[in-house]
Amino acid sequence: MGDLTYIAIIIAKVTAIFIAVISGCAYATWLERKLLGRLQQRMGPTYVGPFGLLQPLADGLKLLFKEDLVISKSERVIFAISPIIAFIPGFMAFAVIPIGPPIELFGYTIPLAVSDLNIGILFILATTSLGVYGIALGGWASGSKYSLLGAIRSSAQMVSYEVSYGLALVPILMMAGTLSLHEMVSQQAGGWLGIGNWYVFKNPIAFLIFWICAIAETNRAPFDMPEAESELVSGYLTEYSSMKFSMFFVGEYANMLTAAAVMATVFFGGWNGPIASGPWWLVIKVIFFMVMYIWIRASFPRIRYDQLMDLGWKVLFPIALLNVLVTGLLMYLV
């Protein structure tokens, strides 16, 4: 494969992933409003386009042309770049997530991932943990007590749940013997009905811990302490408007899509499925987890901040650590 061909393929894959993720973020907002409407006996968006499908585009245009307000007490430079810091990491993580098996095109074998890193899991953990810097800096730079409190909450929440978030993956890495997402997906192929080798069945406790931590890491209800509208107006977002606000918003949904894609890849076999493995299985699984995100938001009230910390340090962390020890012991004995 020539250098120019290789560069063209990489650019094409990056462009396709970016468009897919940004479109997924836009229509995740439509899906959330529709499902919340149904779950709470409301209609959701109905007027802009068929079934309200053009509502995300209308929202984007509205935010694009709204006045960009900057309060006088803010640190202007940091206030401006914080949404970018929160926006980018969610997209970076998708660079190592395999969308499907390699395909043959124009005589070349093209892997359906921007880069198949042999340390893919570490790359995802590193990039997804960067988003909190944008939230923390944005809350501090806003010059508002509500924003600062939201930023402090987000930082504490991220630190508290990042430990269990990583520990939940350790038993899977021990069983897989690799950090490559592509190899993990390959190991989960076959089995009973095509799903027997999925790691969610081999270690369901690890998945449950990872799922709870993923909700907390993405600041979603019932763990949406950094925003907490009933307490902090809108938390770290209080002083943001226009495109800066929308970048924070899109960054949150990009992180949700990343967490959903990681769960689908690591625990649910990625592109493998009961019938004819392919990229559509990964898409179906990601949509399922996004629906679960929304369903949980509609079903559970926001917990108190002390309960959030207790859950992270007194419940999830000991269970995750014990799960690592038990998995290692079972692997040694069996």
Foldseek 3Di string as FASTA:
>chain_A
DDPVVLVVLLVVLLVVLVVVLLVLLLCLVQVLQCLLCVLVVHHGQPDDPHNNRCVSVVVQVVLQPDDWDADPQFPPVLLVCLLVQLQPLLSVLQQQQFLWAWDADPNDTGTNHSDFDQQSQVSNLVSLLRNLVSQCSLLVRRNDPLQNQLSVLLVVLSVLLSLLLVLLCLLLCVVQVTNTLVSLLVQQADDDLRRNSFCCVVQVLSLVSNLVSLCSSLLAPLNVSQQPCVPRVGHSCVNGGRVSSVSNSSSSSSSLLSSQLCCCRRGGSNQTGSPDGTSVSSVVSSVVSSSVSSVRRSPDHHDDSVVSSCCRPVPSNVVSVVSNVVSVVVVVVD
